[in-house]
């Protein structure tokens, strides 16, 4: 399968206000040297806590936020240096579904107006756009009568289906889904995830699913990329990452997943990391977890671990594992 999304050492740096007594500006790497390939027809889950850089990475891939440095390609075209006119054309292949559908649907417009807007902007006649809108609703299992409805007349699950229909109306090849179920009830989440899986299979779509919910990723993803403080710390097949996590941060995330089995909800779960959010340095020559990780070794304070393949297709960035492998030789 061909690679449809490719990043190499992609970095997005934001300036922090210098403050009253500080003359020099400070910077934070929201995305820090991220290298990731997503293949055609694949579902990749990008998981991490709030503030880990997941949404910033998505915005760079969509061309909404300019990258500071590195490579970002969508369908073989570089979005870092592309001209505005070409970027607009590239976006026709990439659709996005945001977290809160109610906030992304105009309350003064009908469902039909919201869906046909991107088509009309691209020059399609309204009659044809309305036909495409009805087809898009059919794809998300909604009756055409919903075209006349307003957002406030719909449930949360229906609003999210409308958002998905609006994304599908342009016949995209790639969909970026930013927390697509976090605003929904548990029962509705499963329905929306099943719909997304059906659409992906029928239209051979490529998904990048951004979430902090491991249960969502476990259900939908082929591969998982774990992100912490702007860096990718582990990548691999979903089963490998969830059943045999390597990086301490991934282990930490796993231990705090809510138990779906009622018989296991009383289990005590202990964090592999300190529960306090670490203020780890973003120095390029140190591990971001060196101040809080119980598995830290001497080299963590002065050597940034790089993603290393430990089993086929399973990569992690951890100095502890490097030490273990060296000592076993």
Protein backbone atom coordinates (compact mmCIF):
# COMPACT_ATOMS: atom_id res chain seq x y z
CA UNK A 1 0.00 0.00 0.00
CA UNK A 2 1.20 3.50 -0.83
CA UNK A 3 1.98 6.08 1.86
CA UNK A 4 -0.63 8.88 1.82
CA UNK A 5 0.60 10.85 4.86
CA UNK A 6 4.33 11.21 5.48
CA UNK A 7 6.12 13.35 8.06
CA UNK A 8 9.84 13.49 8.74
CA UNK A 9 11.22 15.42 11.74
CA UNK A 10 8.11 17.61 11.62
CA UNK A 11 8.28 20.41 14.20
CA UNK A 12 5.88 23.15 15.21
CA UNK A 13 7.31 25.66 17.66
CA UNK A 14 5.27 28.32 19.46
CA UNK A 15 6.74 31.37 21.14
CA UNK A 16 5.94 31.94 24.81
CA UNK A 17 5.59 35.53 25.93
CA UNK A 18 8.90 36.62 27.49
CA UNK A 19 7.26 38.16 30.54
CA UNK A 20 7.98 41.33 32.51
CA UNK A 21 11.56 40.58 33.61
CA UNK A 22 12.64 38.21 30.86
CA UNK A 23 14.14 39.79 27.76
CA UNK A 24 14.70 36.72 25.59
CA UNK A 25 11.76 34.88 24.09
CA UNK A 26 11.07 31.26 25.03
CA UNK A 27 9.65 28.57 22.79
CA UNK A 28 7.73 25.35 23.25
CA UNK A 29 7.72 22.53 20.72
CA UNK A 30 4.07 21.53 20.40
CA UNK A 31 5.17 19.03 17.74
CA UNK A 32 8.75 17.89 18.21
CA UNK A 33 10.54 16.08 15.33
CA UNK A 34 7.62 13.77 14.55
CA UNK A 35 8.20 11.14 11.85
CA UNK A 36 5.14 9.13 10.87
CA UNK A 37 3.91 7.26 7.79
CA UNK A 38 0.23 6.39 7.23
CA UNK A 39 -0.59 4.01 4.41
CA UNK A 40 -3.59 4.04 2.11
CA UNK A 41 -6.66 2.35 3.63
CA UNK A 42 -5.15 2.26 7.12
CA UNK A 43 -6.69 3.42 10.40
CA UNK A 44 -4.05 4.99 12.64
CA UNK A 45 -4.96 6.05 16.16
CA UNK A 46 -3.01 8.97 17.63
CA UNK A 47 -3.34 8.85 21.39
CA UNK A 48 -2.10 10.99 24.26
CA UNK A 49 -3.22 13.31 27.02
CA UNK A 50 -4.60 16.79 26.41
CA UNK A 51 -1.74 19.09 25.48
CA UNK A 52 0.41 16.33 24.00
CA UNK A 53 0.38 17.95 20.54
CA UNK A 54 -2.12 15.67 18.77
CA UNK A 55 -4.42 18.41 17.48
CA UNK A 56 -1.51 20.67 16.52
CA UNK A 57 -0.12 17.84 14.40
CA UNK A 58 -3.51 17.46 12.72
CA UNK A 59 -3.73 21.19 12.04
CA UNK A 60 -0.31 21.12 10.39
CA UNK A 61 -1.39 18.20 8.20
CA UNK A 62 -4.53 20.13 7.22
CA UNK A 63 -2.50 23.22 6.35
CA UNK A 64 -4.28 25.25 9.05
CA UNK A 65 -1.10 25.78 11.10
CA UNK A 66 2.27 26.30 9.38
CA UNK A 67 5.09 23.97 10.36
CA UNK A 68 8.29 25.44 11.77
CA UNK A 69 10.54 22.89 10.09
CA UNK A 70 10.59 19.35 8.76
CA UNK A 71 8.63 17.52 6.07
CA UNK A 72 4.87 16.98 5.86
CA UNK A 73 3.43 15.37 2.75
CA UNK A 74 -0.15 14.44 1.88
CA UNK A 75 -0.60 12.29 -1.22
CA UNK A 76 3.01 13.00 -2.14
CA UNK A 77 2.67 16.79 -2.04
CA UNK A 78 4.58 18.88 0.49
CA UNK A 79 2.16 20.99 2.53
CA UNK A 80 4.94 22.88 4.31
CA UNK A 81 6.00 24.86 1.25
CA UNK A 82 2.94 24.54 -0.99
CA UNK A 83 1.24 27.63 -2.42
CA UNK A 84 -2.19 28.65 -1.14
CA UNK A 85 -4.02 27.71 -4.37
CA UNK A 86 -2.52 24.23 -4.40
CA UNK A 87 -3.17 23.80 -0.68
CA UNK A 88 -6.85 24.52 -1.31
CA UNK A 89 -6.93 21.75 -3.92
CA UNK A 90 -5.11 19.34 -1.61
CA UNK A 91 -7.77 19.86 1.05
CA UNK A 92 -10.36 18.34 -1.28
CA UNK A 93 -8.71 14.96 -0.63
CA UNK A 94 -8.61 15.44 3.15
CA UNK A 95 -11.74 15.84 5.28
CA UNK A 96 -11.92 16.58 8.99
CA UNK A 97 -14.47 15.77 11.69
CA UNK A 98 -14.13 17.75 14.91
CA UNK A 99 -14.90 16.89 18.50
CA UNK A 100 -18.07 18.90 19.12
CA UNK A 101 -20.47 18.80 16.16
CA UNK A 102 -22.83 21.34 17.74
CA UNK A 103 -20.05 23.94 17.80
CA UNK A 104 -19.20 23.28 14.14
CA UNK A 105 -22.71 23.46 12.70
CA UNK A 106 -24.20 26.89 12.10
CA UNK A 107 -27.33 27.07 14.33
CA UNK A 108 -29.00 29.43 11.83
CA UNK A 109 -28.55 27.12 8.85
CA UNK A 110 -30.38 23.94 7.95
CA UNK A 111 -28.52 20.67 7.65
CA UNK A 112 -28.77 20.97 3.87
CA UNK A 113 -27.14 24.42 3.87
CA UNK A 114 -24.28 23.17 6.04
CA UNK A 115 -23.61 20.16 3.82
CA UNK A 116 -23.84 21.88 0.43
CA UNK A 117 -21.74 24.91 1.41
CA UNK A 118 -18.31 23.39 0.51
CA UNK A 119 -19.75 22.16 -2.80
CA UNK A 120 -21.20 25.55 -3.74
CA UNK A 121 -17.94 27.28 -2.81
CA UNK A 122 -16.20 24.98 -5.30
CA UNK A 123 -18.61 26.04 -8.05
CA UNK A 124 -21.14 23.21 -8.07
CA UNK A 125 -24.71 24.17 -9.02
CA UNK A 126 -27.16 24.11 -6.12
CA UNK A 127 -29.40 21.44 -7.64
CA UNK A 128 -26.46 19.05 -8.00
CA UNK A 129 -25.18 20.00 -4.53
CA UNK A 130 -28.56 19.15 -3.00
CA UNK A 131 -28.50 15.75 -4.69
CA UNK A 132 -25.00 15.13 -3.32
CA UNK A 133 -26.17 16.20 0.16
CA UNK A 134 -29.00 13.66 0.09
CA UNK A 135 -26.52 10.96 -0.97
CA UNK A 136 -24.19 11.96 1.88
CA UNK A 137 -27.02 11.60 4.42
CA UNK A 138 -27.80 8.16 3.04
CA UNK A 139 -24.16 7.17 3.60
CA UNK A 140 -24.45 8.01 7.31
CA UNK A 141 -27.80 6.20 7.67
CA UNK A 142 -30.01 9.28 7.96
CA UNK A 143 -33.21 9.97 6.05
CA UNK A 144 -33.28 12.84 3.54
CA UNK A 145 -35.95 14.55 5.70
CA UNK A 146 -33.12 15.64 8.04
CA UNK A 147 -31.92 18.07 5.35
CA UNK A 148 -34.62 20.50 6.48
CA UNK A 149 -33.73 20.24 10.17
CA UNK A 150 -31.70 22.70 12.26
CA UNK A 151 -28.86 21.57 14.56
CA UNK A 152 -30.82 22.22 17.77
CA UNK A 153 -33.48 19.76 16.62
CA UNK A 154 -30.97 16.91 16.48
CA UNK A 155 -29.41 14.68 19.12
CA UNK A 156 -25.66 14.63 19.66
CA UNK A 157 -25.30 11.41 17.69
CA UNK A 158 -27.34 12.82 14.79
CA UNK A 159 -25.27 16.01 14.78
CA UNK A 160 -22.08 13.97 14.55
CA UNK A 161 -23.53 11.95 11.67
CA UNK A 162 -24.28 15.25 9.91
CA UNK A 163 -20.67 16.33 10.49
CA UNK A 164 -19.46 13.06 8.98
CA UNK A 165 -21.84 13.49 6.02
CA UNK A 166 -20.47 16.98 5.42
CA UNK A 167 -16.96 15.52 5.41
CA UNK A 168 -17.97 12.72 3.02
CA UNK A 169 -19.75 14.97 0.52
CA UNK A 170 -16.43 15.94 -1.13
CA UNK A 171 -15.48 12.28 -1.66
CA UNK A 172 -12.23 12.49 0.34
CA UNK A 173 -9.48 9.88 0.37
CA UNK A 174 -8.30 10.76 3.88
CA UNK A 175 -10.26 11.69 7.01
CA UNK A 176 -8.81 13.24 10.15
CA UNK A 177 -11.10 12.59 13.10
CA UNK A 178 -10.33 14.74 16.16
CA UNK A 179 -11.97 13.17 19.23
CA UNK A 180 -14.98 12.09 17.11
CA UNK A 181 -16.90 10.45 19.97
CA UNK A 182 -15.81 12.25 23.14
CA UNK A 183 -18.90 14.49 23.22
CA UNK A 184 -21.29 11.54 22.87
CA UNK A 185 -22.94 9.12 25.28
CA UNK A 186 -21.31 5.70 25.56
CA UNK A 187 -24.14 3.94 23.72
CA UNK A 188 -24.01 6.44 20.86
CA UNK A 189 -20.20 6.22 20.65
CA UNK A 190 -20.39 2.60 19.53
CA UNK A 191 -22.92 3.47 16.80
CA UNK A 192 -20.72 6.26 15.43
CA UNK A 193 -17.59 4.09 15.53
CA UNK A 194 -19.39 1.29 13.67
CA UNK A 195 -20.54 3.83 11.07
CA UNK A 196 -16.96 5.06 10.60
CA UNK A 197 -15.72 1.49 10.18
CA UNK A 198 -18.43 0.79 7.60
CA UNK A 199 -17.56 3.94 5.63
CA UNK A 200 -13.83 3.17 5.78
CA UNK A 201 -14.35 -0.31 4.41
CA UNK A 202 -16.85 0.67 1.72
CA UNK A 203 -14.93 3.66 0.37
CA UNK A 204 -11.40 2.49 1.23
CA UNK A 205 -10.71 5.59 3.29
CA UNK A 206 -7.60 6.35 5.30
CA UNK A 207 -8.25 7.51 8.87
CA UNK A 208 -6.13 9.40 11.38
CA UNK A 209 -8.14 9.13 14.61
CA UNK A 210 -7.06 11.50 17.39
CA UNK A 211 -8.21 10.68 20.89
CA UNK A 212 -7.25 10.28 24.54
CA UNK A 213 -9.57 7.28 24.93
CA UNK A 214 -7.74 3.95 24.63
CA UNK A 215 -11.05 2.07 24.45
CA UNK A 216 -11.92 3.97 21.25
CA UNK A 217 -8.50 3.21 19.76
CA UNK A 218 -8.74 -0.44 20.79
CA UNK A 219 -12.02 -0.72 18.87
CA UNK A 220 -11.15 1.07 15.66
CA UNK A 221 -7.40 1.32 14.97
CA UNK A 222 -5.06 -0.86 12.94
CA UNK A 223 -1.97 0.89 14.32
CA UNK A 224 -1.40 3.16 17.30
CA UNK A 225 0.96 6.10 17.68
CA UNK A 226 1.46 7.35 21.26
CA UNK A 227 2.32 11.04 21.69
CA UNK A 228 3.65 12.83 24.77
CA UNK A 229 4.78 16.46 25.03
CA UNK A 230 5.03 16.79 21.26
CA UNK A 231 7.04 13.62 20.67
CA UNK A 232 6.05 10.20 19.39
CA UNK A 233 7.15 7.71 22.03
CA UNK A 234 5.69 4.45 20.67
CA UNK A 235 4.23 3.20 17.37
CA UNK A 236 3.01 -0.24 16.41
CA UNK A 237 0.12 -2.53 15.57
CA UNK A 238 -2.81 -1.90 17.91
CA UNK A 239 -2.64 -5.32 19.54
CA UNK A 240 1.13 -5.07 20.07
CA UNK A 241 1.00 -1.63 21.66
CA UNK A 242 -2.00 -2.40 23.88
CA UNK A 243 -1.02 -5.91 24.94
CA UNK A 244 2.77 -5.48 25.06
CA UNK A 245 3.52 -1.78 25.66
CA UNK A 246 7.20 -0.86 25.78
CA UNK A 247 7.39 2.82 26.70
CA UNK A 248 6.68 3.77 30.34
CA UNK A 249 4.23 6.46 29.23
CA UNK A 250 2.20 3.92 27.23
CA UNK A 251 2.18 1.62 30.25
CA UNK A 252 0.94 4.54 32.33
CA UNK A 253 -1.91 5.26 29.92
CA UNK A 254 -2.92 1.59 29.90
CA UNK A 255 -3.09 1.42 33.69
CA UNK A 256 -5.58 4.28 33.86
CA UNK A 257 -8.04 2.97 31.27
CA UNK A 258 -11.52 2.64 32.83
CA UNK A 259 -12.41 -1.04 33.15
CA UNK A 260 -15.38 -2.01 30.98
CA UNK A 261 -15.84 -5.27 32.89
CA UNK A 262 -17.87 -4.51 36.07
CA UNK A 263 -16.03 -7.30 37.90
CA UNK A 264 -12.70 -5.50 37.39
CA UNK A 265 -13.71 -1.97 38.38
CA UNK A 266 -12.48 -2.46 41.93
CA UNK A 267 -8.99 -3.42 40.76
CA UNK A 268 -6.29 -1.15 42.12
CA UNK A 269 -4.30 0.40 39.34
CA UNK A 270 -0.95 1.91 40.12
CA UNK A 271 0.76 4.35 37.84
CA UNK A 272 4.18 3.53 36.45
CA UNK A 273 4.87 7.26 36.52
CA UNK A 274 4.25 9.85 39.20
CA UNK A 275 0.66 11.04 39.15
CA UNK A 276 1.74 14.68 39.11
CA UNK A 277 2.15 16.15 35.65
CA UNK A 278 5.87 16.44 35.14
CA UNK A 279 7.42 19.70 34.02
CA UNK A 280 10.02 17.76 32.08
CA UNK A 281 12.49 19.73 30.04
CA UNK A 282 12.12 19.83 26.29
CA UNK A 283 15.89 19.91 25.84
CA UNK A 284 16.83 18.07 22.68
CA UNK A 285 19.49 16.09 24.60
CA UNK A 286 17.27 14.54 27.28
CA UNK A 287 14.33 12.19 27.64
CA UNK A 288 11.12 14.10 28.36
CA UNK A 289 10.31 11.69 31.20
CA UNK A 290 13.73 11.65 32.87
CA UNK A 291 12.53 13.57 35.96
CA UNK A 292 9.51 11.39 36.72
CA UNK A 293 10.07 7.93 35.24
CA UNK A 294 10.82 5.18 37.81
CA UNK A 295 12.66 3.25 35.09
CA UNK A 296 15.07 6.08 34.26
CA UNK A 297 18.72 5.21 33.73
CA UNK A 298 21.76 7.49 33.72
CA UNK A 299 21.68 8.18 30.00
CA UNK A 300 18.08 9.52 30.19
CA UNK A 301 19.37 12.86 31.51
CA UNK A 302 21.69 13.47 28.57
CA UNK A 303 20.51 11.29 25.65
CA UNK A 304 17.25 11.73 23.80
CA UNK A 305 15.94 8.24 22.93
CA UNK A 306 15.03 7.69 19.29
CA UNK A 307 12.30 5.39 18.00
CA UNK A 308 13.81 1.91 17.77
CA UNK A 309 12.18 -1.22 16.31
CA UNK A 310 12.02 -3.92 19.02
CA UNK A 311 9.69 -6.36 17.26
CA UNK A 312 8.56 -6.19 13.61
CA UNK A 313 6.66 -2.94 13.16
CA UNK A 314 6.73 -2.06 16.89
CA UNK A 315 8.84 1.01 17.70
CA UNK A 316 9.49 2.77 21.00
CA UNK A 317 11.74 5.58 22.22
CA UNK A 318 13.11 4.41 25.58
CA UNK A 319 16.69 4.42 26.91
CA UNK A 320 15.85 1.70 29.45
CA UNK A 321 15.11 -0.77 26.66
CA UNK A 322 18.30 0.24 24.86
CA UNK A 323 20.27 -0.53 28.04
CA UNK A 324 18.50 -3.88 28.51
CA UNK A 325 19.22 -4.91 24.94
CA UNK A 326 22.90 -3.89 25.23
CA UNK A 327 23.35 -5.84 28.48
CA UNK A 328 21.82 -8.99 27.01
CA UNK A 329 24.39 -9.15 24.22
